[in-house]
Amino acid sequence: MYKVFVKDVAIIVTSNRDDYPDYGVFSLKDVDLLKIIKKIEKGKLKKVLLYSKNEKKY
């Protein structure tokens, strides 16, 4: 698991999404990070989970 913060919003990269049931889940393979960051800056996202079966691959 990796954690990155943007404007005090946690972006978590993990291979286990079951531990974060209240997070918005996005596929790490298909996500547009710029769009995610813009949504965070606008206050539309408070918790972000980037999911990948193999988190070290990315």
Protein backbone atom coordinates (compact mmCIF):
# COMPACT_ATOMS: atom_id res chain seq x y z
CA MET A 1 0.00 0.00 0.00
CA TYR A 2 1.15 3.51 -0.84
CA LYS A 3 -0.37 6.80 0.35
CA VAL A 4 -0.13 10.18 -1.34
CA PHE A 5 -1.88 13.34 -0.16
CA VAL A 6 -3.33 16.14 -2.28
CA LYS A 7 -4.83 19.01 -0.28
CA ASP A 8 -5.17 16.74 2.78
CA VAL A 9 -7.05 14.12 0.72
CA ALA A 10 -5.52 10.64 0.85
CA ILE A 11 -4.94 8.84 -2.42
CA ILE A 12 -4.23 5.22 -1.55
CA VAL A 13 -2.72 2.74 -4.01
CA THR A 14 -3.37 -0.83 -2.94
CA SER A 15 -4.12 -4.34 -4.07
CA ASN A 16 -6.69 -4.87 -1.29
CA ARG A 17 -9.78 -2.71 -1.71
CA ASP A 18 -11.80 -4.56 0.94
CA ASP A 19 -10.02 -2.59 3.68
CA TYR A 20 -11.41 0.72 2.36
CA PRO A 21 -15.19 0.36 1.89
CA ASP A 22 -15.94 4.11 2.12
CA TYR A 23 -13.41 5.22 -0.50
CA GLY A 24 -14.09 6.04 -4.15
CA VAL A 25 -12.46 3.15 -6.02
CA PHE A 26 -10.71 3.63 -9.36
CA SER A 27 -8.72 1.15 -11.41
CA LEU A 28 -5.08 2.18 -11.40
CA LYS A 29 -4.73 0.84 -14.92
CA ASP A 30 -7.50 3.02 -16.37
CA VAL A 31 -7.56 6.14 -14.17
CA ASP A 32 -6.84 9.65 -15.41
CA LEU A 33 -4.85 11.07 -12.48
CA LEU A 34 -5.20 14.65 -13.68
CA LYS A 35 -9.00 14.36 -13.53
CA ILE A 36 -8.80 12.84 -10.04
CA ILE A 37 -6.58 15.69 -8.83
CA LYS A 38 -8.90 18.31 -10.34
CA LYS A 39 -11.90 16.72 -8.58
CA ILE A 40 -9.99 16.79 -5.30
CA GLU A 41 -9.11 20.46 -5.79
CA LYS A 42 -12.79 21.25 -6.42
CA GLY A 43 -13.80 19.39 -3.26
CA LYS A 44 -15.70 16.66 -5.12
CA LEU A 45 -13.59 13.79 -3.75
CA LYS A 46 -12.58 13.28 -0.12
CA LYS A 47 -11.16 9.74 -0.24
CA VAL A 48 -9.58 8.04 -3.25
CA LEU A 49 -8.50 4.43 -3.68
CA LEU A 50 -6.49 3.39 -6.72
CA TYR A 51 -6.82 -0.38 -7.04
CA SER A 52 -4.52 -2.78 -8.83
CA LYS A 53 -4.10 -6.52 -8.46
CA ASN A 54 -0.34 -5.90 -8.50
CA GLU A 55 0.37 -2.49 -6.98
CA LYS A 56 4.14 -2.75 -7.54
CA LYS A 57 3.68 -3.11 -11.29
CA TYR A 58 2.66 0.53 -11.62
